[in-house]
């Protein structure tokens, strides 16, 4: 993985020193909160309901075991013993004291990390495929280009104050695992018929108030010119993006207003002046960065399937885990292992300090000391020898990291919701907990098959509900009743789509019954092994809507409330109250 050079380290150290003085001045009263606001946001520090939240950058989701141990250190010494992994492949700490933040940033700098550009109207953390470099379907390893984009965008003076935040995702596989269609710029590294490397470029995707699937702006940009092409996109956006209304300031609104053809014309007119300029990449620079992502010392391994098959026969739990959480690796004898942070009853994406340390130890023993964070809020060990899978499973199980539910209904994506976020209309995590407990039976989950369920506490879509097969959005909280809209038909990947709302909203206690009814229609209507999303696309929304809003549903409201009841005290005391 990439290692800081002297310039990287100097930049981060100087930022820590600068912010330490800014915090000192805020605590002494020399700076007002209004004056301090843009300064703290530049360092990933938000004010939430109970405390400050610090969002730490994890470029393209790749970290070392040493860095994961630093997360455990922060959780234990500065937070309340845990952290929350996000859909941006970052980590957030929700209980930070302002006076501690300079020390936290200094600790992060000691392991080549920071919180720069995790907030603000700038280019945010570059995200990528969590299986980059090891996936069997990979065309080009995207990590060197993700790192080049990171270096180029960090403190870029022209793009420090864009009309709105800006997100870039990059994928290098035949299958998109980085949700590139839902980003301001989505990049797919590919090869043309001559075998040359280049990029398919998408623009104007995004979720939030106006969910849009990105448009292709260029089928193939040669690798030498990707920085200048991305720069031209940003220059056009920076010049013409709206600044009078933050709800209409994202690039997707500009692309929609101009039309993709006119937007492309303006980008390419700008690009004509940049194309062969200083931003043009050289093979020497690409090779320099790529040298940080060379293969580890893989062994030539013989087949160990007989031992695994024997253990599978004796352990159904292990067999289920192999089926759902272990993915094929491009090197014979190795496997990719996804560690689930979605144990039913726990907050999706949360990990305790003890779990973080355990994962770091597993990475050292079984995966060359590296880890990946997925945008689906799980963790990955990318280079595990197949002969180590049994021992890894046994050790990970001791720390509740082996729930065999990857890609299944309880692999729920969820934002922190109204218990933490001042923008949220309703709670996300308690609802995710209730739904996961309703569908905890693994046999039933396997019968349902591949399905995604995403929850956001508001329209800002941090839980990416628009691209969940089932999406849930908090829309209102009134008189102790929280209301949620339910949508179906969303998807990410090569065949991305935006979900559609099925009808009027539901209370907290009704939502689990709604999910049960949606699944009932799917199981009734599916053809053989057809996935939920394929059934929705084949038969449309009407059968689902009809069954959900059947006349007996409202008559059963009291029954539903009893079945999925939430103690009134939980409206008064945050779900995380034991961690106060």
Protein backbone atom coordinates (compact mmCIF):
# COMPACT_ATOMS: atom_id res chain seq x y z
CA UNK A 1 0.00 0.00 0.00
CA UNK A 2 1.02 3.60 -0.46
CA UNK A 3 3.48 5.05 2.06
CA UNK A 4 3.93 8.75 2.80
CA UNK A 5 7.00 10.50 1.49
CA UNK A 6 8.56 13.48 3.26
CA UNK A 7 6.18 15.91 1.55
CA UNK A 8 3.06 13.98 2.56
CA UNK A 9 4.23 13.79 6.14
CA UNK A 10 5.16 17.46 6.26
CA UNK A 11 1.75 18.53 4.93
CA UNK A 12 -0.09 16.43 7.51
CA UNK A 13 2.14 17.53 10.39
CA UNK A 14 1.71 21.18 9.49
CA UNK A 15 -2.06 20.76 9.30
CA UNK A 16 -2.07 19.28 12.82
CA UNK A 17 -0.04 22.21 14.13
CA UNK A 18 -2.34 24.69 12.42
CA UNK A 19 -5.49 23.09 13.78
CA UNK A 20 -4.08 22.84 17.29
CA UNK A 21 -3.77 26.62 17.33
CA UNK A 22 -7.26 27.05 15.88
CA UNK A 23 -8.74 24.84 18.62
CA UNK A 24 -6.80 26.77 21.26
CA UNK A 25 -8.27 30.03 19.98
CA UNK A 26 -11.80 28.58 19.88
CA UNK A 27 -11.55 27.29 23.46
CA UNK A 28 -10.20 30.64 24.66
CA UNK A 29 -13.00 32.53 22.95
CA UNK A 30 -10.75 34.27 20.42
CA UNK A 31 -12.73 32.54 17.65
CA UNK A 32 -16.51 32.42 17.60
CA UNK A 33 -18.31 29.23 16.58
CA UNK A 34 -19.23 30.89 13.31
CA UNK A 35 -15.57 31.67 12.62
CA UNK A 36 -14.46 28.22 13.76
CA UNK A 37 -17.03 26.29 11.69
CA UNK A 38 -15.19 26.28 8.33
CA UNK A 39 -11.89 25.53 10.07
CA UNK A 40 -13.16 22.45 11.87
CA UNK A 41 -15.01 21.19 8.78
CA UNK A 42 -11.74 21.33 6.86
CA UNK A 43 -10.47 18.81 9.39
CA UNK A 44 -13.45 16.48 9.31
CA UNK A 45 -14.97 17.67 12.60
CA UNK A 46 -18.77 17.96 12.80
CA UNK A 47 -21.02 19.02 15.66
CA UNK A 48 -23.72 16.41 16.19
CA UNK A 49 -26.47 15.96 18.75
CA UNK A 50 -24.41 14.68 21.68
CA UNK A 51 -20.80 15.56 20.84
CA UNK A 52 -18.40 16.27 18.02
CA UNK A 53 -18.01 13.64 15.31
CA UNK A 54 -14.62 13.16 13.66
CA UNK A 55 -14.50 11.57 10.21
CA UNK A 56 -11.13 10.09 9.28
CA UNK A 57 -10.06 9.63 5.66
CA UNK A 58 -9.25 6.13 4.42
CA UNK A 59 -8.27 6.66 0.77
CA UNK A 60 -9.83 3.96 -1.44
CA UNK A 61 -10.59 1.96 1.72
CA UNK A 62 -7.09 0.49 2.15
CA UNK A 63 -5.37 0.49 5.55
CA UNK A 64 -2.62 -1.36 7.38
CA UNK A 65 -2.97 -3.35 10.58
CA UNK A 66 -0.99 -0.58 12.31
CA UNK A 67 -3.55 1.98 11.21
CA UNK A 68 -6.43 -0.22 12.38
CA UNK A 69 -4.77 -0.44 15.79
CA UNK A 70 -4.67 3.35 15.83
CA UNK A 71 -8.45 3.35 15.29
CA UNK A 72 -8.74 1.06 18.30
CA UNK A 73 -6.54 3.44 20.30
CA UNK A 74 -8.75 6.41 19.38
CA UNK A 75 -11.93 4.48 20.19
CA UNK A 76 -10.62 3.48 23.61
CA UNK A 77 -8.94 6.73 24.65
CA UNK A 78 -10.98 9.47 22.99
CA UNK A 79 -14.37 7.94 22.20
CA UNK A 80 -16.65 5.48 23.96
CA UNK A 81 -14.95 2.30 22.86
CA UNK A 82 -16.13 1.94 19.27
CA UNK A 83 -16.12 3.50 15.80
CA UNK A 84 -18.49 3.52 12.85
CA UNK A 85 -17.34 2.47 9.35
CA UNK A 86 -19.17 4.43 6.64
CA UNK A 87 -20.36 4.05 3.07
CA UNK A 88 -17.44 6.29 2.03
CA UNK A 89 -14.92 3.64 3.18
CA UNK A 90 -14.05 5.98 6.07
CA UNK A 91 -14.45 5.70 9.82
CA UNK A 92 -16.30 8.09 12.14
CA UNK A 93 -15.99 8.59 15.87
CA UNK A 94 -19.14 10.03 17.39
CA UNK A 95 -18.18 11.09 20.94
CA UNK A 96 -15.17 13.38 20.48
CA UNK A 97 -14.26 16.27 22.78
CA UNK A 98 -13.06 19.38 20.99
CA UNK A 99 -10.00 19.76 23.21
CA UNK A 100 -8.84 16.24 22.24
CA UNK A 101 -9.00 16.67 18.48
CA UNK A 102 -5.45 18.05 17.95
CA UNK A 103 -4.01 15.07 19.85
CA UNK A 104 -6.15 12.66 17.80
CA UNK A 105 -4.92 14.22 14.55
CA UNK A 106 -1.33 14.03 15.80
CA UNK A 107 -1.82 10.35 16.62
CA UNK A 108 -3.22 9.79 13.14
CA UNK A 109 -0.31 11.60 11.54
CA UNK A 110 2.08 9.20 13.29
CA UNK A 111 0.57 6.35 11.21
CA UNK A 112 0.24 8.32 7.95
CA UNK A 113 -3.43 9.26 8.30
CA UNK A 114 -5.51 12.43 8.55
CA UNK A 115 -9.06 13.84 8.37
CA UNK A 116 -8.41 16.31 5.57
CA UNK A 117 -11.18 16.76 2.97
CA UNK A 118 -13.62 14.44 4.70
CA UNK A 119 -15.92 17.45 4.82
CA UNK A 120 -16.42 20.73 3.03
CA UNK A 121 -17.13 21.71 -0.57
CA UNK A 122 -14.08 20.01 -1.99
CA UNK A 123 -13.06 16.70 -3.56
CA UNK A 124 -13.79 14.14 -0.84
CA UNK A 125 -12.12 10.81 -0.08
CA UNK A 126 -11.51 8.84 -3.30
CA UNK A 127 -13.30 5.49 -3.09
CA UNK A 128 -12.70 2.27 -4.99
CA UNK A 129 -13.36 -1.45 -5.28
CA UNK A 130 -12.66 -3.23 -1.98
CA UNK A 131 -11.34 -6.21 -3.99
CA UNK A 132 -8.91 -4.09 -6.04
CA UNK A 133 -5.76 -5.99 -6.98
CA UNK A 134 -7.12 -9.43 -6.08
CA UNK A 135 -10.45 -9.83 -7.91
CA UNK A 136 -10.67 -12.50 -10.59
CA UNK A 137 -12.55 -10.21 -12.97
CA UNK A 138 -10.15 -7.28 -12.69
CA UNK A 139 -9.11 -5.66 -15.96
CA UNK A 140 -6.73 -3.08 -14.48
CA UNK A 141 -5.75 -2.51 -10.85
CA UNK A 142 -7.35 0.86 -10.01
CA UNK A 143 -5.34 1.53 -6.83
CA UNK A 144 -2.41 3.42 -8.44
CA UNK A 145 -4.82 5.72 -10.25
CA UNK A 146 -6.88 6.19 -7.08
CA UNK A 147 -3.71 7.25 -5.28
CA UNK A 148 -2.72 9.62 -8.09
CA UNK A 149 -6.17 11.20 -7.92
CA UNK A 150 -5.82 11.50 -4.13
CA UNK A 151 -2.50 13.29 -4.39
CA UNK A 152 -3.75 15.56 -7.17
CA UNK A 153 -6.96 16.53 -5.36
CA UNK A 154 -5.54 17.07 -1.85
CA UNK A 155 -5.34 20.83 -1.21
CA UNK A 156 -5.92 21.55 -4.90
CA UNK A 157 -6.23 25.36 -4.75
CA UNK A 158 -8.77 25.65 -7.56
CA UNK A 159 -11.15 23.11 -6.05
CA UNK A 160 -11.04 23.95 -2.34
CA UNK A 161 -14.33 25.90 -2.50
CA UNK A 162 -16.53 24.16 -5.03
CA UNK A 163 -20.28 24.87 -5.22
CA UNK A 164 -20.83 21.67 -3.21
CA UNK A 165 -19.01 18.55 -2.04
CA UNK A 166 -17.59 16.33 -4.79
CA UNK A 167 -17.17 12.56 -4.81
CA UNK A 168 -15.13 10.36 -7.15
CA UNK A 169 -15.18 6.55 -7.32
CA UNK A 170 -12.99 4.28 -9.43
CA UNK A 171 -13.38 0.62 -10.39
CA UNK A 172 -11.15 -1.73 -12.36
CA UNK A 173 -13.20 -4.91 -12.61
CA UNK A 174 -15.65 -6.16 -15.21
CA UNK A 175 -18.28 -5.79 -12.49
CA UNK A 176 -18.59 -2.41 -10.79
CA UNK A 177 -18.12 -2.85 -7.03
CA UNK A 178 -17.50 0.83 -6.30
CA UNK A 179 -20.97 2.23 -7.15
CA UNK A 180 -19.42 4.46 -9.83
CA UNK A 181 -22.86 5.27 -11.30
CA UNK A 182 -23.87 7.04 -8.07
CA UNK A 183 -20.94 9.49 -7.92
CA UNK A 184 -20.21 12.97 -9.21
CA UNK A 185 -17.51 11.35 -11.32
CA UNK A 186 -17.36 7.59 -11.83
CA UNK A 187 -14.29 6.06 -13.44
CA UNK A 188 -13.99 2.55 -14.87
CA UNK A 189 -10.42 1.59 -15.75
CA UNK A 190 -10.55 -0.53 -18.88
CA UNK A 191 -8.68 -1.55 -22.03
CA UNK A 192 -9.63 -0.82 -25.63
CA UNK A 193 -9.45 -3.32 -28.48
CA UNK A 194 -5.76 -2.47 -28.97
CA UNK A 195 -5.06 -3.41 -25.35
CA UNK A 196 -4.38 0.17 -24.27
CA UNK A 197 -5.38 1.29 -20.78
CA UNK A 198 -7.88 4.08 -20.37
CA UNK A 199 -11.00 5.21 -18.54
CA UNK A 200 -14.70 5.16 -19.21
CA UNK A 201 -15.89 8.37 -17.54
CA UNK A 202 -19.32 8.89 -16.00
CA UNK A 203 -20.49 12.25 -14.68
CA UNK A 204 -23.45 13.70 -12.81
CA UNK A 205 -24.43 10.73 -10.69
CA UNK A 206 -25.46 11.09 -7.08
CA UNK A 207 -28.13 10.36 -4.50
CA UNK A 208 -29.62 12.72 -1.89
CA UNK A 209 -32.59 14.94 -2.72
CA UNK A 210 -32.28 14.38 -6.46
CA UNK A 211 -31.05 10.81 -7.08
CA UNK A 212 -29.57 10.39 -10.56
CA UNK A 213 -27.59 7.66 -12.31
CA UNK A 214 -24.43 9.07 -13.88
CA UNK A 215 -24.16 9.71 -17.62
CA UNK A 216 -21.30 8.55 -19.79
CA UNK A 217 -19.39 11.62 -20.91
CA UNK A 218 -16.50 9.79 -22.58
CA UNK A 219 -16.18 6.15 -23.57
CA UNK A 220 -12.40 6.07 -23.44
CA UNK A 221 -9.92 8.60 -22.05
CA UNK A 222 -6.30 7.38 -22.38
CA UNK A 223 -4.62 6.95 -19.00
CA UNK A 224 -2.13 9.74 -19.75
CA UNK A 225 -4.96 12.28 -19.84
CA UNK A 226 -7.27 11.21 -17.02
CA UNK A 227 -6.12 13.92 -14.60
CA UNK A 228 -6.60 16.71 -17.12
CA UNK A 229 -9.99 15.36 -18.20
CA UNK A 230 -11.21 15.16 -14.59
CA UNK A 231 -9.79 18.64 -14.01
CA UNK A 232 -11.78 20.01 -16.94
CA UNK A 233 -14.98 18.49 -15.57
CA UNK A 234 -14.32 20.16 -12.23
CA UNK A 235 -13.43 23.48 -13.87
CA UNK A 236 -16.73 23.61 -15.78
CA UNK A 237 -18.62 22.66 -12.63
CA UNK A 238 -16.73 25.19 -10.52
CA UNK A 239 -17.55 27.96 -12.98
CA UNK A 240 -21.19 27.20 -13.70
CA UNK A 241 -22.46 25.16 -10.72
CA UNK A 242 -25.10 26.94 -8.65
CA UNK A 243 -23.98 28.68 -5.47
CA UNK A 244 -27.28 30.35 -4.62
CA UNK A 245 -29.03 27.16 -3.46
CA UNK A 246 -27.09 24.34 -1.81
CA UNK A 247 -29.88 21.89 -2.61
CA UNK A 248 -29.30 22.49 -6.31
CA UNK A 249 -25.52 22.90 -6.21
CA UNK A 250 -24.30 19.39 -7.03
CA UNK A 251 -22.85 18.71 -10.47
CA UNK A 252 -25.76 16.40 -11.30
CA UNK A 253 -28.07 19.45 -11.36
CA UNK A 254 -25.76 21.28 -13.76
CA UNK A 255 -25.46 18.25 -16.06
CA UNK A 256 -29.23 17.80 -16.05
CA UNK A 257 -29.81 21.50 -16.75
CA UNK A 258 -27.35 21.68 -19.64
CA UNK A 259 -27.87 18.17 -20.97
CA UNK A 260 -25.00 15.71 -21.27
CA UNK A 261 -24.14 16.75 -24.83
CA UNK A 262 -23.73 20.45 -23.98
CA UNK A 263 -21.90 19.65 -20.76
CA UNK A 264 -19.51 17.41 -22.70
CA UNK A 265 -18.95 20.14 -25.29
CA UNK A 266 -17.94 22.59 -22.58
CA UNK A 267 -15.68 20.06 -20.86
CA UNK A 268 -13.88 19.15 -24.07
CA UNK A 269 -13.48 22.81 -25.01
CA UNK A 270 -11.76 23.38 -21.67
CA UNK A 271 -9.79 20.14 -22.01
CA UNK A 272 -8.31 21.27 -25.31
CA UNK A 273 -6.18 23.76 -23.34
CA UNK A 274 -5.16 21.23 -20.65
CA UNK A 275 -4.82 17.95 -22.53
CA UNK A 276 -1.08 17.97 -23.15
CA UNK A 277 -0.13 20.33 -20.33
CA UNK A 278 1.65 19.75 -17.00
CA UNK A 279 -1.17 17.52 -15.73
CA UNK A 280 -0.45 14.86 -18.35
CA UNK A 281 0.65 11.65 -16.66
CA UNK A 282 3.96 10.03 -17.54
CA UNK A 283 4.67 6.31 -17.44
CA UNK A 284 7.39 7.05 -14.89
CA UNK A 285 4.90 8.64 -12.49
CA UNK A 286 2.35 5.84 -12.89
CA UNK A 287 5.05 3.24 -12.33
CA UNK A 288 6.33 5.12 -9.28
CA UNK A 289 2.93 5.05 -7.64
CA UNK A 290 2.19 1.51 -8.85
CA UNK A 291 5.37 0.31 -7.11
CA UNK A 292 3.58 0.79 -3.79
CA UNK A 293 0.94 -1.74 -4.84
CA UNK A 294 3.09 -4.67 -5.91
CA UNK A 295 1.88 -8.16 -5.09
CA UNK A 296 2.80 -9.54 -1.68
CA UNK A 297 4.93 -12.67 -1.47
CA UNK A 298 2.32 -15.17 -2.60
CA UNK A 299 3.18 -18.83 -2.18
CA UNK A 300 2.64 -21.55 -4.75
CA UNK A 301 -0.08 -23.47 -2.96
CA UNK A 302 -1.47 -26.91 -3.54
CA UNK A 303 -5.15 -27.74 -3.40
CA UNK A 304 -6.66 -27.78 0.09
CA UNK A 305 -10.26 -28.30 -0.94
CA UNK A 306 -10.39 -31.81 0.48
CA UNK A 307 -9.71 -30.60 4.02
CA UNK A 308 -12.13 -27.70 3.63
CA UNK A 309 -14.82 -29.99 2.27
CA UNK A 310 -14.36 -32.36 5.17
CA UNK A 311 -14.70 -29.52 7.69
CA UNK A 312 -17.69 -28.12 5.79
CA UNK A 313 -19.45 -31.43 6.11
CA UNK A 314 -18.99 -31.36 9.87
CA UNK A 315 -19.82 -27.67 10.40
CA UNK A 316 -22.87 -26.06 8.86
CA UNK A 317 -21.83 -22.69 10.31
CA UNK A 318 -18.49 -22.86 8.54
CA UNK A 319 -20.17 -24.02 5.34
CA UNK A 320 -22.56 -21.04 5.41
CA UNK A 321 -19.67 -18.68 6.06
CA UNK A 322 -17.69 -20.06 3.11
CA UNK A 323 -20.72 -19.66 0.88
CA UNK A 324 -21.47 -16.04 1.78
CA UNK A 325 -18.30 -14.41 3.13
CA UNK A 326 -15.45 -16.00 1.15
CA UNK A 327 -14.85 -14.78 -2.40
CA UNK A 328 -12.61 -16.13 -5.19
CA UNK A 329 -9.07 -14.76 -5.50
CA UNK A 330 -7.07 -14.35 -8.70
CA UNK A 331 -4.14 -16.33 -7.21
CA UNK A 332 -4.71 -20.10 -6.89
CA UNK A 333 -4.79 -21.28 -3.29
CA UNK A 334 -5.87 -17.87 -1.90
CA UNK A 335 -9.23 -16.39 -0.98
CA UNK A 336 -10.83 -13.02 -0.19
CA UNK A 337 -12.58 -12.95 3.18
CA UNK A 338 -15.28 -10.45 4.12
CA UNK A 339 -15.63 -9.92 7.87
CA UNK A 340 -19.23 -8.99 8.60
CA UNK A 341 -20.00 -6.01 10.82
CA UNK A 342 -23.70 -6.86 10.53
CA UNK A 343 -24.37 -9.25 13.39
CA UNK A 344 -28.14 -9.03 14.07
CA UNK A 345 -28.73 -6.93 17.15
CA UNK A 346 -25.71 -4.72 16.53
CA UNK A 347 -25.41 -1.39 14.72
CA UNK A 348 -24.42 -1.92 11.07
CA UNK A 349 -20.84 -0.77 10.51
CA UNK A 350 -19.93 -0.42 14.18
CA UNK A 351 -16.80 -2.09 15.55
CA UNK A 352 -15.48 -2.01 19.10
CA UNK A 353 -11.88 -1.24 19.99
CA UNK A 354 -11.43 -4.93 20.86
CA UNK A 355 -12.77 -5.97 17.46
CA UNK A 356 -10.50 -3.50 15.68
CA UNK A 357 -7.47 -4.91 17.46
CA UNK A 358 -8.61 -8.45 16.72
CA UNK A 359 -9.01 -7.62 13.02
CA UNK A 360 -5.53 -6.05 12.96
CA UNK A 361 -4.12 -9.25 14.46
CA UNK A 362 -5.96 -11.37 11.89
CA UNK A 363 -4.55 -9.20 9.10
CA UNK A 364 -1.01 -9.70 10.39
CA UNK A 365 -1.43 -13.46 10.70
CA UNK A 366 -3.42 -14.18 7.58
CA UNK A 367 -3.38 -11.29 5.06
CA UNK A 368 0.05 -9.63 4.86
CA UNK A 369 -0.93 -6.92 7.36
CA UNK A 370 -3.49 -5.20 5.11
CA UNK A 371 -7.22 -4.54 5.42
CA UNK A 372 -9.95 -3.05 3.26
CA UNK A 373 -13.08 -1.14 4.30
CA UNK A 374 -16.05 -1.69 2.03
CA UNK A 375 -18.66 0.92 1.08
CA UNK A 376 -21.16 -1.58 2.45
CA UNK A 377 -19.71 -1.12 5.95
CA UNK A 378 -17.82 -4.40 6.29
CA UNK A 379 -14.11 -5.26 6.43
CA UNK A 380 -12.00 -7.37 4.06
CA UNK A 381 -8.93 -9.55 4.40
CA UNK A 382 -7.86 -9.71 0.77
CA UNK A 383 -5.07 -12.33 0.70
CA UNK A 384 -5.92 -15.35 2.86
CA UNK A 385 -4.46 -18.75 2.10
CA UNK A 386 -7.25 -21.26 1.67
CA UNK A 387 -5.50 -23.60 4.06
CA UNK A 388 -5.85 -20.92 6.77
CA UNK A 389 -9.60 -20.40 6.33
CA UNK A 390 -10.63 -22.79 9.10
CA UNK A 391 -8.34 -21.20 11.68
CA UNK A 392 -9.27 -17.70 10.55
CA UNK A 393 -12.97 -18.49 10.87
CA UNK A 394 -12.49 -19.92 14.35
CA UNK A 395 -10.53 -16.89 15.55
CA UNK A 396 -12.83 -14.33 13.91
CA UNK A 397 -15.87 -16.06 15.41
CA UNK A 398 -14.51 -15.36 18.89
CA UNK A 399 -14.97 -11.66 18.12
CA UNK A 400 -18.41 -11.96 16.43
CA UNK A 401 -17.06 -11.18 12.96
CA UNK A 402 -18.29 -14.25 11.07
CA UNK A 403 -22.02 -13.67 10.57
CA UNK A 404 -22.61 -15.47 7.23
CA UNK A 405 -24.82 -12.79 5.68
CA UNK A 406 -22.81 -10.92 3.06
CA UNK A 407 -25.19 -9.88 0.27
CA UNK A 408 -28.22 -11.08 2.22
CA UNK A 409 -31.12 -9.31 3.88
CA UNK A 410 -29.40 -8.70 7.23
CA UNK A 411 -26.32 -7.22 5.55
CA UNK A 412 -28.06 -3.89 6.03
CA UNK A 413 -26.45 -0.57 5.15
CA UNK A 414 -27.41 2.18 7.58
CA UNK A 415 -26.43 5.74 8.40
CA UNK A 416 -26.21 6.76 12.11
CA UNK A 417 -29.62 8.44 11.88
CA UNK A 418 -31.42 10.71 14.32
CA UNK A 419 -29.66 9.42 17.42
CA UNK A 420 -26.54 11.27 16.30
CA UNK A 421 -27.12 13.39 13.21
CA UNK A 422 -28.80 16.80 13.41
CA UNK A 423 -30.05 16.44 9.83
CA UNK A 424 -31.88 13.14 10.28
CA UNK A 425 -35.65 12.94 10.55
CA UNK A 426 -35.80 9.47 12.06
CA UNK A 427 -33.68 6.77 13.64
CA UNK A 428 -31.84 4.38 11.33
CA UNK A 429 -29.81 2.05 13.54
CA UNK A 430 -32.64 0.86 15.84
CA UNK A 431 -34.78 0.15 12.77
CA UNK A 432 -31.93 -1.81 11.17
CA UNK A 433 -31.64 -3.79 14.41
CA UNK A 434 -35.35 -4.66 14.48
CA UNK A 435 -35.40 -5.71 10.81
CA UNK A 436 -32.26 -7.83 11.21
CA UNK A 437 -33.74 -9.61 14.22
CA UNK A 438 -36.98 -10.31 12.29
CA UNK A 439 -35.02 -12.01 9.50
CA UNK A 440 -32.25 -13.55 11.58
CA UNK A 441 -33.11 -17.13 10.57
CA UNK A 442 -30.33 -18.11 8.16
CA UNK A 443 -32.37 -20.72 6.33
CA UNK A 444 -34.97 -18.10 5.51
CA UNK A 445 -32.28 -15.62 4.43
CA UNK A 446 -30.74 -18.20 2.12
CA UNK A 447 -34.17 -18.92 0.66
CA UNK A 448 -34.64 -15.22 -0.03
CA UNK A 449 -31.19 -15.05 -1.60
CA UNK A 450 -29.31 -12.01 -2.83
CA UNK A 451 -30.94 -8.75 -1.78
CA UNK A 452 -29.84 -5.35 -0.48
CA UNK A 453 -31.61 -3.21 2.11
CA UNK A 454 -30.38 0.33 2.77
CA UNK A 455 -31.61 2.78 5.42
CA UNK A 456 -31.12 6.56 5.59
CA UNK A 457 -32.45 8.79 8.34
CA UNK A 458 -33.20 11.58 5.84
CA UNK A 459 -33.16 12.46 2.15
CA UNK A 460 -29.42 13.17 2.21
CA UNK A 461 -28.96 9.43 1.62
CA UNK A 462 -25.82 8.66 3.62
CA UNK A 463 -27.24 5.13 3.81
CA UNK A 464 -27.53 5.08 -0.02
CA UNK A 465 -31.17 4.01 0.18
CA UNK A 466 -31.83 4.95 -3.46
CA UNK A 467 -29.60 2.12 -4.73
CA UNK A 468 -30.82 -0.53 -2.31
CA UNK A 469 -33.14 -3.21 -3.71
CA UNK A 470 -35.27 -2.08 -0.76
CA UNK A 471 -34.67 1.46 0.45
CA UNK A 472 -35.98 3.05 3.63
CA UNK A 473 -35.92 6.81 4.25
CA UNK A 474 -36.79 8.71 7.41
CA UNK A 475 -39.13 11.52 6.44
CA UNK A 476 -40.64 12.90 9.64
CA UNK A 477 -40.73 12.64 13.42
CA UNK A 478 -43.84 13.99 15.12
CA UNK A 479 -45.36 13.29 18.53
CA UNK A 480 -43.00 10.37 19.15
CA UNK A 481 -43.94 8.76 15.81
CA UNK A 482 -41.21 8.41 13.22
CA UNK A 483 -42.28 8.01 9.61
CA UNK A 484 -40.46 6.25 6.80
CA UNK A 485 -40.88 5.99 3.05
CA UNK A 486 -40.17 2.60 1.49
CA UNK A 487 -38.90 2.20 -2.06
CA UNK A 488 -37.97 -0.78 -4.21
CA UNK A 489 -36.07 -1.42 -7.42
CA UNK A 490 -32.77 0.29 -6.66
CA UNK A 491 -29.46 -1.37 -7.49
CA UNK A 492 -25.76 -0.66 -7.86
CA UNK A 493 -23.22 -2.30 -10.11
CA UNK A 494 -23.20 -2.53 -13.90
CA UNK A 495 -27.00 -2.38 -14.03
CA UNK A 496 -27.53 0.45 -11.55
CA UNK A 497 -30.98 1.92 -10.99
CA UNK A 498 -32.76 4.32 -8.65
CA UNK A 499 -35.53 2.89 -6.48
CA UNK A 500 -39.12 4.17 -6.59
CA UNK A 501 -41.31 4.91 -3.57
CA UNK A 502 -44.17 2.44 -3.28
CA UNK A 503 -46.63 4.81 -1.59
CA UNK A 504 -47.47 6.69 1.62
CA UNK A 505 -45.07 6.46 4.54
CA UNK A 506 -45.12 4.09 7.53
CA UNK A 507 -44.41 4.32 11.24
CA UNK A 508 -41.34 2.74 12.81
CA UNK A 509 -43.36 -0.21 14.05
CA UNK A 510 -44.97 -0.85 10.67
CA UNK A 511 -41.76 -1.03 8.65
CA UNK A 512 -40.73 -4.63 9.56
CA UNK A 513 -44.18 -5.86 8.50
CA UNK A 514 -43.83 -3.94 5.24
CA UNK A 515 -40.52 -5.70 4.56
CA UNK A 516 -42.15 -9.05 5.30
CA UNK A 517 -44.92 -8.29 2.81
CA UNK A 518 -42.46 -7.24 0.10
CA UNK A 519 -40.53 -10.47 0.58
CA UNK A 520 -43.78 -12.46 0.49
CA UNK A 521 -44.64 -11.07 -2.96
CA UNK A 522 -41.14 -11.78 -4.20
CA UNK A 523 -41.14 -15.40 -3.01
CA UNK A 524 -44.58 -15.89 -4.52
CA UNK A 525 -43.74 -14.39 -7.90
CA UNK A 526 -40.09 -15.23 -8.52
CA UNK A 527 -39.03 -17.63 -11.25
CA UNK A 528 -36.64 -20.32 -9.99
CA UNK A 529 -33.52 -18.59 -8.61
CA UNK A 530 -34.48 -15.10 -9.78
CA UNK A 531 -33.15 -12.33 -7.51
CA UNK A 532 -35.45 -9.84 -5.79
CA UNK A 533 -34.32 -6.99 -8.07
CA UNK A 534 -34.98 -9.08 -11.19
CA UNK A 535 -38.48 -9.95 -10.01
CA UNK A 536 -39.23 -6.27 -9.34
CA UNK A 537 -38.04 -5.34 -12.81
CA UNK A 538 -40.04 -8.13 -14.44
CA UNK A 539 -43.41 -7.67 -12.73
CA UNK A 540 -43.19 -3.99 -11.76
CA UNK A 541 -44.09 -2.25 -8.52
CA UNK A 542 -47.87 -2.76 -8.61
CA UNK A 543 -48.06 -6.29 -7.08
CA UNK A 544 -45.78 -5.22 -4.23
CA UNK A 545 -47.72 -2.03 -3.58
CA UNK A 546 -51.06 -3.85 -3.70
CA UNK A 547 -50.00 -6.41 -1.11
CA UNK A 548 -48.33 -3.89 1.21
CA UNK A 549 -51.34 -1.56 1.24
CA UNK A 550 -53.95 -4.33 1.39
CA UNK A 551 -57.00 -3.46 3.49
CA UNK A 552 -56.00 -5.92 6.21
CA UNK A 553 -52.72 -4.11 6.84
CA UNK A 554 -54.12 -1.09 8.64
CA UNK A 555 -56.47 -3.35 10.56
CA UNK A 556 -53.43 -5.21 11.82
CA UNK A 557 -51.63 -2.05 12.92
CA UNK A 558 -52.06 -2.79 16.61
CA UNK A 559 -50.84 -6.34 16.08
CA UNK A 560 -47.81 -5.06 14.18
CA UNK A 561 -47.07 -2.52 16.91
CA UNK A 562 -47.14 -5.28 19.52
CA UNK A 563 -44.94 -7.57 17.45
CA UNK A 564 -42.28 -4.95 16.76
CA UNK A 565 -42.79 -2.69 19.72
CA UNK A 566 -40.18 -0.18 20.82
CA UNK A 567 -40.26 0.89 24.43
CA UNK A 568 -41.31 4.55 24.73
CA UNK A 569 -38.17 5.23 26.76
CA UNK A 570 -36.12 4.60 23.62
CA UNK A 571 -37.54 7.79 22.19
CA UNK A 572 -36.13 9.65 25.15
CA UNK A 573 -32.83 7.82 25.68
CA UNK A 574 -30.51 7.27 22.71
CA UNK A 575 -30.06 3.72 21.52
CA UNK A 576 -26.39 3.95 22.50
CA UNK A 577 -27.16 5.02 26.06
CA UNK A 578 -24.97 2.27 27.61
CA UNK A 579 -22.01 3.99 25.95
CA UNK A 580 -22.58 7.41 27.55
